[in-house]
Amino acid sequence: GETLEDTVRREIMEEVGLKVKNIQYYKSQPWGLSGSVLSGFFCD
């Protein structure tokens, strides 16, 4: 039920307790070690 942007906000809040803005997509990568496709973002 999450968007990728929602994942960015949630993971940051859960792991380091910070709020962010200006979420900007960078690029993606397949990562077979975790069976995933990674989406990279920068934010402020």
PDB file of all heavy atoms in Angstrom:
ATOM      1  N   GLY A   1       0.784  -1.230   0.000  1.00  0.00           N
ATOM      2  CA  GLY A   1       0.000   0.000   0.000  1.00  0.00           C
ATOM      3  C   GLY A   1       0.812   1.273   0.000  1.00  0.00           C
ATOM      4  O   GLY A   1       0.244   2.366   0.042  1.00  0.00           O
ATOM      5  N   GLU A   2       2.148   1.181  -0.028  1.00  0.00           N
ATOM      6  CA  GLU A   2       3.001   2.353  -0.012  1.00  0.00           C
ATOM      7  C   GLU A   2       3.445   2.764  -1.408  1.00  0.00           C
ATOM      8  O   GLU A   2       3.663   1.907  -2.273  1.00  0.00           O
ATOM      9  CB  GLU A   2       4.285   2.083   0.802  1.00  0.00           C
ATOM     10  CG  GLU A   2       4.163   2.235   2.280  1.00  0.00           C
ATOM     11  CD  GLU A   2       5.524   2.129   2.944  1.00  0.00           C
ATOM     12  OE1 GLU A   2       6.419   1.451   2.415  1.00  0.00           O
ATOM     13  OE2 GLU A   2       5.674   2.729   4.022  1.00  0.00           O
ATOM     14  N   THR A   3       3.620   4.053  -1.599  1.00  0.00           N
ATOM     15  CA  THR A   3       4.376   4.528  -2.751  1.00  0.00           C
ATOM     16  C   THR A   3       5.860   4.472  -2.375  1.00  0.00           C
ATOM     17  O   THR A   3       6.213   4.351  -1.198  1.00  0.00           O
ATOM     18  CB  THR A   3       4.003   5.965  -3.123  1.00  0.00           C
ATOM     19  OG1 THR A   3       4.386   6.841  -2.036  1.00  0.00           O
ATOM     20  CG2 THR A   3       2.503   6.106  -3.367  1.00  0.00           C
ATOM     21  N   LEU A   4       6.727   4.593  -3.364  1.00  0.00           N
ATOM     22  CA  LEU A   4       8.159   4.621  -3.066  1.00  0.00           C
ATOM     23  C   LEU A   4       8.524   5.837  -2.222  1.00  0.00           C
ATOM     24  O   LEU A   4       9.369   5.770  -1.332  1.00  0.00           O
ATOM     25  CB  LEU A   4       8.959   4.609  -4.365  1.00  0.00           C
ATOM     26  CG  LEU A   4       8.833   3.335  -5.212  1.00  0.00           C
ATOM     27  CD1 LEU A   4       9.589   3.496  -6.523  1.00  0.00           C
ATOM     28  CD2 LEU A   4       9.333   2.111  -4.457  1.00  0.00           C
ATOM     29  N   GLU A   5       7.851   6.965  -2.491  1.00  0.00           N
ATOM     30  CA  GLU A   5       8.106   8.177  -1.704  1.00  0.00           C
ATOM     31  C   GLU A   5       7.684   7.995  -0.251  1.00  0.00           C
ATOM     32  O   GLU A   5       8.357   8.477   0.673  1.00  0.00           O
ATOM     33  CB  GLU A   5       7.379   9.368  -2.331  1.00  0.00           C
ATOM     34  CG  GLU A   5       7.929   9.810  -3.684  1.00  0.00           C
ATOM     35  CD  GLU A   5       7.412   8.960  -4.839  1.00  0.00           C
ATOM     36  OE1 GLU A   5       6.588   8.044  -4.612  1.00  0.00           O
ATOM     37  OE2 GLU A   5       7.834   9.210  -5.982  1.00  0.00           O
ATOM     38  N   ASP A   6       6.561   7.292  -0.031  1.00  0.00           N
ATOM     39  CA  ASP A   6       6.139   6.993   1.339  1.00  0.00           C
ATOM     40  C   ASP A   6       7.164   6.103   2.043  1.00  0.00           C
ATOM     41  O   ASP A   6       7.427   6.267   3.242  1.00  0.00           O
ATOM     42  CB  ASP A   6       4.781   6.287   1.337  1.00  0.00           C
ATOM     43  CG  ASP A   6       3.630   7.221   1.012  1.00  0.00           C
ATOM     44  OD1 ASP A   6       3.802   8.442   1.182  1.00  0.00           O
ATOM     45  OD2 ASP A   6       2.564   6.725   0.589  1.00  0.00           O
ATOM     46  N   THR A   7       7.741   5.161   1.291  1.00  0.00           N
ATOM     47  CA  THR A   7       8.771   4.297   1.863  1.00  0.00           C
ATOM     48  C   THR A   7       9.971   5.120   2.312  1.00  0.00           C
ATOM     49  O   THR A   7      10.542   4.883   3.384  1.00  0.00           O
ATOM     50  CB  THR A   7       9.220   3.235   0.842  1.00  0.00           C
ATOM     51  OG1 THR A   7       8.088   2.507   0.376  1.00  0.00           O
ATOM     52  CG2 THR A   7      10.207   2.268   1.477  1.00  0.00           C
ATOM     53  N   VAL A   8      10.374   6.089   1.483  1.00  0.00           N
ATOM     54  CA  VAL A   8      11.488   6.965   1.835  1.00  0.00           C
ATOM     55  C   VAL A   8      11.220   7.649   3.172  1.00  0.00           C
ATOM     56  O   VAL A   8      12.050   7.614   4.091  1.00  0.00           O
ATOM     57  CB  VAL A   8      11.721   8.016   0.727  1.00  0.00           C
ATOM     58  CG1 VAL A   8      12.666   9.110   1.208  1.00  0.00           C
ATOM     59  CG2 VAL A   8      12.260   7.356  -0.531  1.00  0.00           C
ATOM     60  N   ARG A   9      10.051   8.274   3.312  1.00  0.00           N
ATOM     61  CA  ARG A   9       9.724   9.005   4.547  1.00  0.00           C
ATOM     62  C   ARG A   9       9.678   8.070   5.753  1.00  0.00           C
ATOM     63  O   ARG A   9      10.202   8.390   6.820  1.00  0.00           O
ATOM     64  CB  ARG A   9       8.383   9.722   4.377  1.00  0.00           C
ATOM     65  CG  ARG A   9       8.361  10.770   3.270  1.00  0.00           C
ATOM     66  CD  ARG A   9       7.028  11.487   3.240  1.00  0.00           C
ATOM     67  NE  ARG A   9       6.921  12.358   2.077  1.00  0.00           N
ATOM     68  CZ  ARG A   9       6.341  12.024   0.913  1.00  0.00           C
ATOM     69  NH1 ARG A   9       5.797  10.804   0.793  1.00  0.00           N
ATOM     70  NH2 ARG A   9       6.301  12.867  -0.091  1.00  0.00           N
ATOM     71  N   ARG A  10       9.029   6.914   5.586  1.00  0.00           N
ATOM     72  CA  ARG A  10       8.867   5.986   6.713  1.00  0.00           C
ATOM     73  C   ARG A  10      10.202   5.420   7.167  1.00  0.00           C
ATOM     74  O   ARG A  10      10.503   5.385   8.374  1.00  0.00           O
ATOM     75  CB  ARG A  10       7.917   4.843   6.325  1.00  0.00           C
ATOM     76  CG  ARG A  10       7.769   3.792   7.426  1.00  0.00           C
ATOM     77  CD  ARG A  10       6.853   2.655   7.000  1.00  0.00           C
ATOM     78  NE  ARG A  10       7.288   2.034   5.761  1.00  0.00           N
ATOM     79  CZ  ARG A  10       8.309   1.178   5.660  1.00  0.00           C
ATOM     80  NH1 ARG A  10       9.012   0.840   6.732  1.00  0.00           N
ATOM     81  NH2 ARG A  10       8.623   0.644   4.492  1.00  0.00           N
ATOM     82  N   GLU A  11      11.014   4.950   6.219  1.00  0.00           N
ATOM     83  CA  GLU A  11      12.287   4.330   6.595  1.00  0.00           C
ATOM     84  C   GLU A  11      13.203   5.335   7.298  1.00  0.00           C
ATOM     85  O   GLU A  11      13.886   4.993   8.267  1.00  0.00           O
ATOM     86  CB  GLU A  11      12.981   3.758   5.354  1.00  0.00           C
ATOM     87  CG  GLU A  11      12.348   2.482   4.814  1.00  0.00           C
ATOM     88  CD  GLU A  11      12.572   1.288   5.734  1.00  0.00           C
ATOM     89  OE1 GLU A  11      13.476   1.347   6.602  1.00  0.00           O
ATOM     90  OE2 GLU A  11      11.829   0.299   5.606  1.00  0.00           O
ATOM     91  N   ILE A  12      13.219   6.555   6.812  1.00  0.00           N
ATOM     92  CA  ILE A  12      14.063   7.574   7.445  1.00  0.00           C
ATOM     93  C   ILE A  12      13.584   7.871   8.860  1.00  0.00           C
ATOM     94  O   ILE A  12      14.379   7.967   9.800  1.00  0.00           O
ATOM     95  CB  ILE A  12      14.085   8.857   6.595  1.00  0.00           C
ATOM     96  CG1 ILE A  12      14.801   8.591   5.274  1.00  0.00           C
ATOM     97  CG2 ILE A  12      14.750  10.003   7.345  1.00  0.00           C
ATOM     98  CD1 ILE A  12      14.711   9.729   4.277  1.00  0.00           C
ATOM     99  N   MET A  13      12.288   8.002   9.034  1.00  0.00           N
ATOM    100  CA  MET A  13      11.748   8.271  10.364  1.00  0.00           C
ATOM    101  C   MET A  13      12.005   7.098  11.300  1.00  0.00           C
ATOM    102  O   MET A  13      12.388   7.276  12.461  1.00  0.00           O
ATOM    103  CB  MET A  13      10.248   8.568  10.269  1.00  0.00           C
ATOM    104  CG  MET A  13       9.575   8.828  11.610  1.00  0.00           C
ATOM    105  SD  MET A  13      10.341  10.186  12.581  1.00  0.00           S
ATOM    106  CE  MET A  13       9.969  11.593  11.510  1.00  0.00           C
ATOM    107  N   GLU A  14      11.817   5.859  10.804  1.00  0.00           N
ATOM    108  CA  GLU A  14      12.012   4.685  11.651  1.00  0.00           C
ATOM    109  C   GLU A  14      13.476   4.495  12.050  1.00  0.00           C
ATOM    110  O   GLU A  14      13.777   4.141  13.192  1.00  0.00           O
ATOM    111  CB  GLU A  14      11.516   3.433  10.930  1.00  0.00           C
ATOM    112  CG  GLU A  14      10.011   3.338  10.799  1.00  0.00           C
ATOM    113  CD  GLU A  14       9.567   2.106  10.049  1.00  0.00           C
ATOM    114  OE1 GLU A  14      10.429   1.368   9.519  1.00  0.00           O
ATOM    115  OE2 GLU A  14       8.347   1.875   9.963  1.00  0.00           O
ATOM    116  N   GLU A  15      14.404   4.710  11.120  1.00  0.00           N
ATOM    117  CA  GLU A  15      15.805   4.358  11.370  1.00  0.00           C
ATOM    118  C   GLU A  15      16.616   5.482  12.015  1.00  0.00           C
ATOM    119  O   GLU A  15      17.524   5.207  12.801  1.00  0.00           O
ATOM    120  CB  GLU A  15      16.466   3.903  10.065  1.00  0.00           C
ATOM    121  CG  GLU A  15      15.860   2.612   9.528  1.00  0.00           C
ATOM    122  CD  GLU A  15      16.660   2.007   8.398  1.00  0.00           C
ATOM    123  OE1 GLU A  15      17.724   2.571   8.040  1.00  0.00           O
ATOM    124  OE2 GLU A  15      16.233   0.967   7.864  1.00  0.00           O
ATOM    125  N   VAL A  16      16.296   6.740  11.668  1.00  0.00           N
ATOM    126  CA  VAL A  16      17.092   7.841  12.231  1.00  0.00           C
ATOM    127  C   VAL A  16      16.242   8.986  12.788  1.00  0.00           C
ATOM    128  O   VAL A  16      16.780   9.993  13.245  1.00  0.00           O
ATOM    129  CB  VAL A  16      18.091   8.398  11.183  1.00  0.00           C
ATOM    130  CG1 VAL A  16      19.204   7.399  10.936  1.00  0.00           C
ATOM    131  CG2 VAL A  16      17.389   8.764   9.886  1.00  0.00           C
ATOM    132  N   GLY A  17      14.910   8.876  12.746  1.00  0.00           N
ATOM    133  CA  GLY A  17      14.036   9.849  13.382  1.00  0.00           C
ATOM    134  C   GLY A  17      14.061  11.236  12.767  1.00  0.00           C
ATOM    135  O   GLY A  17      13.899  12.234  13.480  1.00  0.00           O
ATOM    136  N   LEU A  18      14.229  11.318  11.454  1.00  0.00           N
ATOM    137  CA  LEU A  18      14.308  12.611  10.777  1.00  0.00           C
ATOM    138  C   LEU A  18      13.141  12.808   9.807  1.00  0.00           C
ATOM    139  O   LEU A  18      12.598  11.835   9.265  1.00  0.00           O
ATOM    140  CB  LEU A  18      15.626  12.719   9.995  1.00  0.00           C
ATOM    141  CG  LEU A  18      16.919  12.638  10.805  1.00  0.00           C
ATOM    142  CD1 LEU A  18      18.118  12.589   9.878  1.00  0.00           C
ATOM    143  CD2 LEU A  18      17.030  13.809  11.777  1.00  0.00           C
ATOM    144  N   LYS A  19      12.794  14.068   9.580  1.00  0.00           N
ATOM    145  CA  LYS A  19      11.820  14.424   8.562  1.00  0.00           C
ATOM    146  C   LYS A  19      12.560  14.956   7.331  1.00  0.00           C
ATOM    147  O   LYS A  19      13.600  15.606   7.463  1.00  0.00           O
ATOM    148  CB  LYS A  19      10.849  15.484   9.080  1.00  0.00           C
ATOM    149  CG  LYS A  19       9.925  14.996  10.191  1.00  0.00           C
ATOM    150  CD  LYS A  19       8.947  16.095  10.607  1.00  0.00           C
ATOM    151  CE  LYS A  19       7.997  15.609  11.690  1.00  0.00           C
ATOM    152  NZ  LYS A  19       7.041  16.670  12.102  1.00  0.00           N
ATOM    153  N   VAL A  20      11.989  14.673   6.137  1.00  0.00           N
ATOM    154  CA  VAL A  20      12.648  15.097   4.902  1.00  0.00           C
ATOM    155  C   VAL A  20      11.650  15.729   3.942  1.00  0.00           C
ATOM    156  O   VAL A  20      10.435  15.573   4.082  1.00  0.00           O
ATOM    157  CB  VAL A  20      13.353  13.910   4.205  1.00  0.00           C
ATOM    158  CG1 VAL A  20      14.487  13.372   5.062  1.00  0.00           C
ATOM    159  CG2 VAL A  20      12.355  12.804   3.868  1.00  0.00           C
ATOM    160  N   LYS A  21      12.193  16.433   2.952  1.00  0.00           N
ATOM    161  CA  LYS A  21      11.384  17.071   1.912  1.00  0.00           C
ATOM    162  C   LYS A  21      12.146  16.996   0.590  1.00  0.00           C
ATOM    163  O   LYS A  21      13.282  16.530   0.534  1.00  0.00           O
ATOM    164  CB  LYS A  21      11.091  18.523   2.282  1.00  0.00           C
ATOM    165  CG  LYS A  21      12.356  19.374   2.459  1.00  0.00           C
ATOM    166  CD  LYS A  21      12.023  20.785   2.934  1.00  0.00           C
ATOM    167  CE  LYS A  21      13.315  21.599   3.139  1.00  0.00           C
ATOM    168  NZ  LYS A  21      13.021  22.976   3.636  1.00  0.00           N
ATOM    169  N   ASN A  22      11.523  17.475  -0.477  1.00  0.00           N
ATOM    170  CA  ASN A  22      12.157  17.529  -1.808  1.00  0.00           C
ATOM    171  C   ASN A  22      12.703  16.166  -2.238  1.00  0.00           C
ATOM    172  O   ASN A  22      13.865  16.035  -2.643  1.00  0.00           O
ATOM    173  CB  ASN A  22      13.289  18.573  -1.837  1.00  0.00           C
ATOM    174  CG  ASN A  22      12.819  19.962  -1.472  1.00  0.00           C
ATOM    175  OD1 ASN A  22      11.674  20.328  -1.731  1.00  0.00           O
ATOM    176  ND2 ASN A  22      13.694  20.753  -0.867  1.00  0.00           N
ATOM    177  N   ILE A  23      11.877  15.155  -2.166  1.00  0.00           N
ATOM    178  CA  ILE A  23      12.296  13.803  -2.538  1.00  0.00           C
ATOM    179  C   ILE A  23      12.475  13.738  -4.057  1.00  0.00           C
ATOM    180  O   ILE A  23      11.548  14.016  -4.809  1.00  0.00           O
ATOM    181  CB  ILE A  23      11.270  12.760  -2.064  1.00  0.00           C
ATOM    182  CG1 ILE A  23      11.176  12.798  -0.532  1.00  0.00           C
ATOM    183  CG2 ILE A  23      11.651  11.364  -2.541  1.00  0.00           C
ATOM    184  CD1 ILE A  23      10.063  11.937   0.037  1.00  0.00           C
ATOM    185  N   GLN A  24      13.666  13.361  -4.490  1.00  0.00           N
ATOM    186  CA  GLN A  24      14.046  13.405  -5.903  1.00  0.00           C
ATOM    187  C   GLN A  24      14.566  12.038  -6.339  1.00  0.00           C
ATOM    188  O   GLN A  24      15.532  11.516  -5.782  1.00  0.00           O
ATOM    189  CB  GLN A  24      15.130  14.469  -6.114  1.00  0.00           C
ATOM    190  CG  GLN A  24      15.695  14.547  -7.526  1.00  0.00           C
ATOM    191  CD  GLN A  24      16.894  15.470  -7.608  1.00  0.00           C
ATOM    192  OE1 GLN A  24      17.447  15.882  -6.579  1.00  0.00           O
ATOM    193  NE2 GLN A  24      17.307  15.798  -8.821  1.00  0.00           N
ATOM    194  N   TYR A  25      13.939  11.448  -7.374  1.00  0.00           N
ATOM    195  CA  TYR A  25      14.386  10.146  -7.881  1.00  0.00           C
ATOM    196  C   TYR A  25      15.736  10.275  -8.570  1.00  0.00           C
ATOM    197  O   TYR A  25      15.987  11.222  -9.309  1.00  0.00           O
ATOM    198  CB  TYR A  25      13.355   9.586  -8.860  1.00  0.00           C
ATOM    199  CG  TYR A  25      13.777   8.310  -9.549  1.00  0.00           C
ATOM    200  CD1 TYR A  25      13.797   7.104  -8.858  1.00  0.00           C
ATOM    201  CD2 TYR A  25      14.171   8.323 -10.889  1.00  0.00           C
ATOM    202  CE1 TYR A  25      14.187   5.933  -9.484  1.00  0.00           C
ATOM    203  CE2 TYR A  25      14.566   7.150 -11.523  1.00  0.00           C
ATOM    204  CZ  TYR A  25      14.577   5.961 -10.816  1.00  0.00           C
ATOM    205  OH  TYR A  25      14.973   4.803 -11.448  1.00  0.00           O
ATOM    206  N   TYR A  26      16.638   9.297  -8.330  1.00  0.00           N
ATOM    207  CA  TYR A  26      17.947   9.290  -8.971  1.00  0.00           C
ATOM    208  C   TYR A  26      18.011   8.218 -10.055  1.00  0.00           C
ATOM    209  O   TYR A  26      18.014   8.523 -11.237  1.00  0.00           O
ATOM    210  CB  TYR A  26      19.043   9.076  -7.920  1.00  0.00           C
ATOM    211  CG  TYR A  26      20.419   8.910  -8.504  1.00  0.00           C
ATOM    212  CD1 TYR A  26      21.025   9.943  -9.208  1.00  0.00           C
ATOM    213  CD2 TYR A  26      21.120   7.702  -8.377  1.00  0.00           C
ATOM    214  CE1 TYR A  26      22.284   9.790  -9.764  1.00  0.00           C
ATOM    215  CE2 TYR A  26      22.388   7.550  -8.913  1.00  0.00           C
ATOM    216  CZ  TYR A  26      22.960   8.591  -9.612  1.00  0.00           C
ATOM    217  OH  TYR A  26      24.205   8.435 -10.165  1.00  0.00           O
ATOM    218  N   LYS A  27      18.081   6.954  -9.721  1.00  0.00           N
ATOM    219  CA  LYS A  27      18.036   5.849 -10.685  1.00  0.00           C
ATOM    220  C   LYS A  27      17.803   4.548  -9.934  1.00  0.00           C
ATOM    221  O   LYS A  27      17.757   4.531  -8.704  1.00  0.00           O
ATOM    222  CB  LYS A  27      19.301   5.775 -11.539  1.00  0.00           C
ATOM    223  CG  LYS A  27      20.562   5.461 -10.783  1.00  0.00           C
ATOM    224  CD  LYS A  27      21.747   5.165 -11.729  1.00  0.00           C
ATOM    225  CE  LYS A  27      22.167   6.368 -12.540  1.00  0.00           C
ATOM    226  NZ  LYS A  27      23.451   6.112 -13.278  1.00  0.00           N
ATOM    227  N   SER A  28      17.663   3.441 -10.668  1.00  0.00           N
ATOM    228  CA  SER A  28      17.346   2.153 -10.046  1.00  0.00           C
ATOM    229  C   SER A  28      18.436   1.134 -10.345  1.00  0.00           C
ATOM    230  O   SER A  28      19.307   1.349 -11.195  1.00  0.00           O
ATOM    231  CB  SER A  28      15.990   1.639 -10.536  1.00  0.00           C
ATOM    232  OG  SER A  28      16.027   1.398 -11.934  1.00  0.00           O
ATOM    233  N   GLN A  29      18.348   0.000  -9.625  1.00  0.00           N
ATOM    234  CA  GLN A  29      19.329  -1.068  -9.787  1.00  0.00           C
ATOM    235  C   GLN A  29      18.740  -2.410  -9.352  1.00  0.00           C
ATOM    236  O   GLN A  29      18.141  -2.508  -8.285  1.00  0.00           O
ATOM    237  CB  GLN A  29      20.577  -0.777  -8.942  1.00  0.00           C
ATOM    238  CG  GLN A  29      21.601  -1.893  -8.968  1.00  0.00           C
ATOM    239  CD  GLN A  29      22.834  -1.579  -8.150  1.00  0.00           C
ATOM    240  OE1 GLN A  29      22.741  -1.145  -7.012  1.00  0.00           O
ATOM    241  NE2 GLN A  29      24.011  -1.791  -8.740  1.00  0.00           N
ATOM    242  N   PRO A  30      18.906  -3.470 -10.163  1.00  0.00           N
ATOM    243  CA  PRO A  30      18.563  -4.807  -9.675  1.00  0.00           C
ATOM    244  C   PRO A  30      19.610  -5.262  -8.683  1.00  0.00           C
ATOM    245  O   PRO A  30      20.804  -4.996  -8.855  1.00  0.00           O
ATOM    246  CB  PRO A  30      18.605  -5.663 -10.961  1.00  0.00           C
ATOM    247  CG  PRO A  30      19.578  -4.951 -11.855  1.00  0.00           C
ATOM    248  CD  PRO A  30      19.412  -3.484 -11.556  1.00  0.00           C
ATOM    249  N   TRP A  31      19.189  -5.940  -7.625  1.00  0.00           N
ATOM    250  CA  TRP A  31      20.127  -6.380  -6.592  1.00  0.00           C
ATOM    251  C   TRP A  31      19.759  -7.798  -6.174  1.00  0.00           C
ATOM    252  O   TRP A  31      18.915  -8.030  -5.315  1.00  0.00           O
ATOM    253  CB  TRP A  31      20.104  -5.423  -5.405  1.00  0.00           C
ATOM    254  CG  TRP A  31      21.292  -5.547  -4.503  1.00  0.00           C
ATOM    255  CD1 TRP A  31      21.291  -5.973  -3.201  1.00  0.00           C
ATOM    256  CD2 TRP A  31      22.657  -5.243  -4.817  1.00  0.00           C
ATOM    257  NE1 TRP A  31      22.560  -5.937  -2.693  1.00  0.00           N
ATOM    258  CE2 TRP A  31      23.426  -5.492  -3.667  1.00  0.00           C
ATOM    259  CE3 TRP A  31      23.297  -4.779  -5.969  1.00  0.00           C
ATOM    260  CZ2 TRP A  31      24.805  -5.307  -3.631  1.00  0.00           C
ATOM    261  CZ3 TRP A  31      24.666  -4.585  -5.940  1.00  0.00           C
ATOM    262  CH2 TRP A  31      25.402  -4.847  -4.786  1.00  0.00           C
ATOM    263  N   GLY A  32      20.405  -8.773  -6.825  1.00  0.00           N
ATOM    264  CA  GLY A  32      20.033 -10.168  -6.643  1.00  0.00           C
ATOM    265  C   GLY A  32      20.303 -10.726  -5.266  1.00  0.00           C
ATOM    266  O   GLY A  32      19.685 -11.714  -4.873  1.00  0.00           O
ATOM    267  N   LEU A  33      21.224 -10.130  -4.483  1.00  0.00           N
ATOM    268  CA  LEU A  33      21.510 -10.642  -3.137  1.00  0.00           C
ATOM    269  C   LEU A  33      20.281 -10.623  -2.254  1.00  0.00           C
ATOM    270  O   LEU A  33      20.103 -11.492  -1.395  1.00  0.00           O
ATOM    271  CB  LEU A  33      22.629  -9.826  -2.485  1.00  0.00           C
ATOM    272  CG  LEU A  33      24.056 -10.089  -2.975  1.00  0.00           C
ATOM    273  CD1 LEU A  33      25.032  -9.189  -2.236  1.00  0.00           C
ATOM    274  CD2 LEU A  33      24.443 -11.548  -2.784  1.00  0.00           C
ATOM    275  N   SER A  34      19.426  -9.616  -2.438  1.00  0.00           N
ATOM    276  CA  SER A  34      18.203  -9.512  -1.633  1.00  0.00           C
ATOM    277  C   SER A  34      16.952  -9.762  -2.468  1.00  0.00           C
ATOM    278  O   SER A  34      15.841  -9.562  -1.977  1.00  0.00           O
ATOM    279  CB  SER A  34      18.115  -8.126  -0.983  1.00  0.00           C
ATOM    280  OG  SER A  34      18.182  -7.103  -1.967  1.00  0.00           O
ATOM    281  N   GLY A  35      17.133 -10.185  -3.723  1.00  0.00           N
ATOM    282  CA  GLY A  35      15.976 -10.446  -4.579  1.00  0.00           C
ATOM    283  C   GLY A  35      15.145  -9.208  -4.832  1.00  0.00           C
ATOM    284  O   GLY A  35      13.923  -9.279  -4.924  1.00  0.00           O
ATOM    285  N   SER A  36      15.804  -8.062  -4.964  1.00  0.00           N
ATOM    286  CA  SER A  36      15.070  -6.802  -5.016  1.00  0.00           C
ATOM    287  C   SER A  36      15.451  -5.960  -6.223  1.00  0.00           C
ATOM    288  O   SER A  36      16.421  -6.235  -6.924  1.00  0.00           O
ATOM    289  CB  SER A  36      15.319  -6.003  -3.728  1.00  0.00           C
ATOM    290  OG  SER A  36      16.700  -5.791  -3.532  1.00  0.00           O
ATOM    291  N   VAL A  37      14.650  -4.931  -6.449  1.00  0.00           N
ATOM    292  CA  VAL A  37      15.034  -3.851  -7.348  1.00  0.00           C
ATOM    293  C   VAL A  37      15.055  -2.591  -6.493  1.00  0.00           C
ATOM    294  O   VAL A  37      14.095  -2.274  -5.786  1.00  0.00           O
ATOM    295  CB  VAL A  37      14.081  -3.711  -8.548  1.00  0.00           C
ATOM    296  CG1 VAL A  37      12.640  -3.448  -8.121  1.00  0.00           C
ATOM    297  CG2 VAL A  37      14.557  -2.612  -9.490  1.00  0.00           C
ATOM    298  N   LEU A  38      16.199  -1.901  -6.494  1.00  0.00           N
ATOM    299  CA  LEU A  38      16.412  -0.744  -5.638  1.00  0.00           C
ATOM    300  C   LEU A  38      16.121   0.540  -6.398  1.00  0.00           C
ATOM    301  O   LEU A  38      16.565   0.702  -7.536  1.00  0.00           O
ATOM    302  CB  LEU A  38      17.857  -0.704  -5.145  1.00  0.00           C
ATOM    303  CG  LEU A  38      18.403  -1.979  -4.495  1.00  0.00           C
ATOM    304  CD1 LEU A  38      19.869  -1.798  -4.125  1.00  0.00           C
ATOM    305  CD2 LEU A  38      17.585  -2.359  -3.279  1.00  0.00           C
ATOM    306  N   SER A  39      15.395   1.452  -5.784  1.00  0.00           N
ATOM    307  CA  SER A  39      15.152   2.773  -6.348  1.00  0.00           C
ATOM    308  C   SER A  39      15.880   3.797  -5.495  1.00  0.00           C
ATOM    309  O   SER A  39      15.650   3.889  -4.285  1.00  0.00           O
ATOM    310  CB  SER A  39      13.649   3.092  -6.371  1.00  0.00           C
ATOM    311  OG  SER A  39      12.973   2.222  -7.256  1.00  0.00           O
ATOM    312  N   GLY A  40      16.783   4.549  -6.110  1.00  0.00           N
ATOM    313  CA  GLY A  40      17.570   5.526  -5.385  1.00  0.00           C
ATOM    314  C   GLY A  40      16.922   6.899  -5.381  1.00  0.00           C
ATOM    315  O   GLY A  40      16.422   7.354  -6.415  1.00  0.00           O
ATOM    316  N   PHE A  41      16.931   7.555  -4.234  1.00  0.00           N
ATOM    317  CA  PHE A  41      16.361   8.897  -4.099  1.00  0.00           C
ATOM    318  C   PHE A  41      17.336   9.781  -3.324  1.00  0.00           C
ATOM    319  O   PHE A  41      18.040   9.312  -2.424  1.00  0.00           O
ATOM    320  CB  PHE A  41      15.035   8.863  -3.330  1.00  0.00           C
ATOM    321  CG  PHE A  41      13.905   8.192  -4.052  1.00  0.00           C
ATOM    322  CD1 PHE A  41      13.718   6.825  -3.950  1.00  0.00           C
ATOM    323  CD2 PHE A  41      13.017   8.936  -4.821  1.00  0.00           C
ATOM    324  CE1 PHE A  41      12.670   6.199  -4.604  1.00  0.00           C
ATOM    325  CE2 PHE A  41      11.964   8.314  -5.479  1.00  0.00           C
ATOM    326  CZ  PHE A  41      11.793   6.950  -5.373  1.00  0.00           C
ATOM    327  N   PHE A  42      17.358  11.059  -3.677  1.00  0.00           N
ATOM    328  CA  PHE A  42      17.962  12.087  -2.834  1.00  0.00           C
ATOM    329  C   PHE A  42      16.828  12.913  -2.233  1.00  0.00           C
ATOM    330  O   PHE A  42      15.762  13.071  -2.850  1.00  0.00           O
ATOM    331  CB  PHE A  42      18.889  12.997  -3.639  1.00  0.00           C
ATOM    332  CG  PHE A  42      20.222  12.394  -3.949  1.00  0.00           C
ATOM    333  CD1 PHE A  42      20.485  11.848  -5.194  1.00  0.00           C
ATOM    334  CD2 PHE A  42      21.230  12.373  -2.986  1.00  0.00           C
ATOM    335  CE1 PHE A  42      21.718  11.286  -5.491  1.00  0.00           C
ATOM    336  CE2 PHE A  42      22.469  11.822  -3.270  1.00  0.00           C
ATOM    337  CZ  PHE A  42      22.718  11.275  -4.526  1.00  0.00           C
ATOM    338  N   CYS A  43      17.045  13.447  -1.038  1.00  0.00           N
ATOM    339  CA  CYS A  43      16.056  14.315  -0.413  1.00  0.00           C
ATOM    340  C   CYS A  43      16.780  15.261   0.530  1.00  0.00           C
ATOM    341  O   CYS A  43      17.977  15.088   0.825  1.00  0.00           O
ATOM    342  CB  CYS A  43      14.993  13.505   0.329  1.00  0.00           C
ATOM    343  SG  CYS A  43      15.648  12.455   1.640  1.00  0.00           S
ATOM    344  N   ASP A  44      16.066  16.265   1.022  1.00  0.00           N
ATOM    345  CA  ASP A  44      16.652  17.261   1.914  1.00  0.00           C
ATOM    346  C   ASP A  44      16.061  17.145   3.313  1.00  0.00           C
ATOM    347  O   ASP A  44      14.862  16.839   3.476  1.00  0.00           O
ATOM    348  CB  ASP A  44      16.390  18.673   1.374  1.00  0.00           C
ATOM    349  CG  ASP A  44      17.089  18.916   0.057  1.00  0.00           C
ATOM    350  OD1 ASP A  44      18.287  18.596  -0.038  1.00  0.00           O
ATOM    351  OD2 ASP A  44      16.438  19.421  -0.884  1.00  0.00           O
TER     352      ASP A  44
END
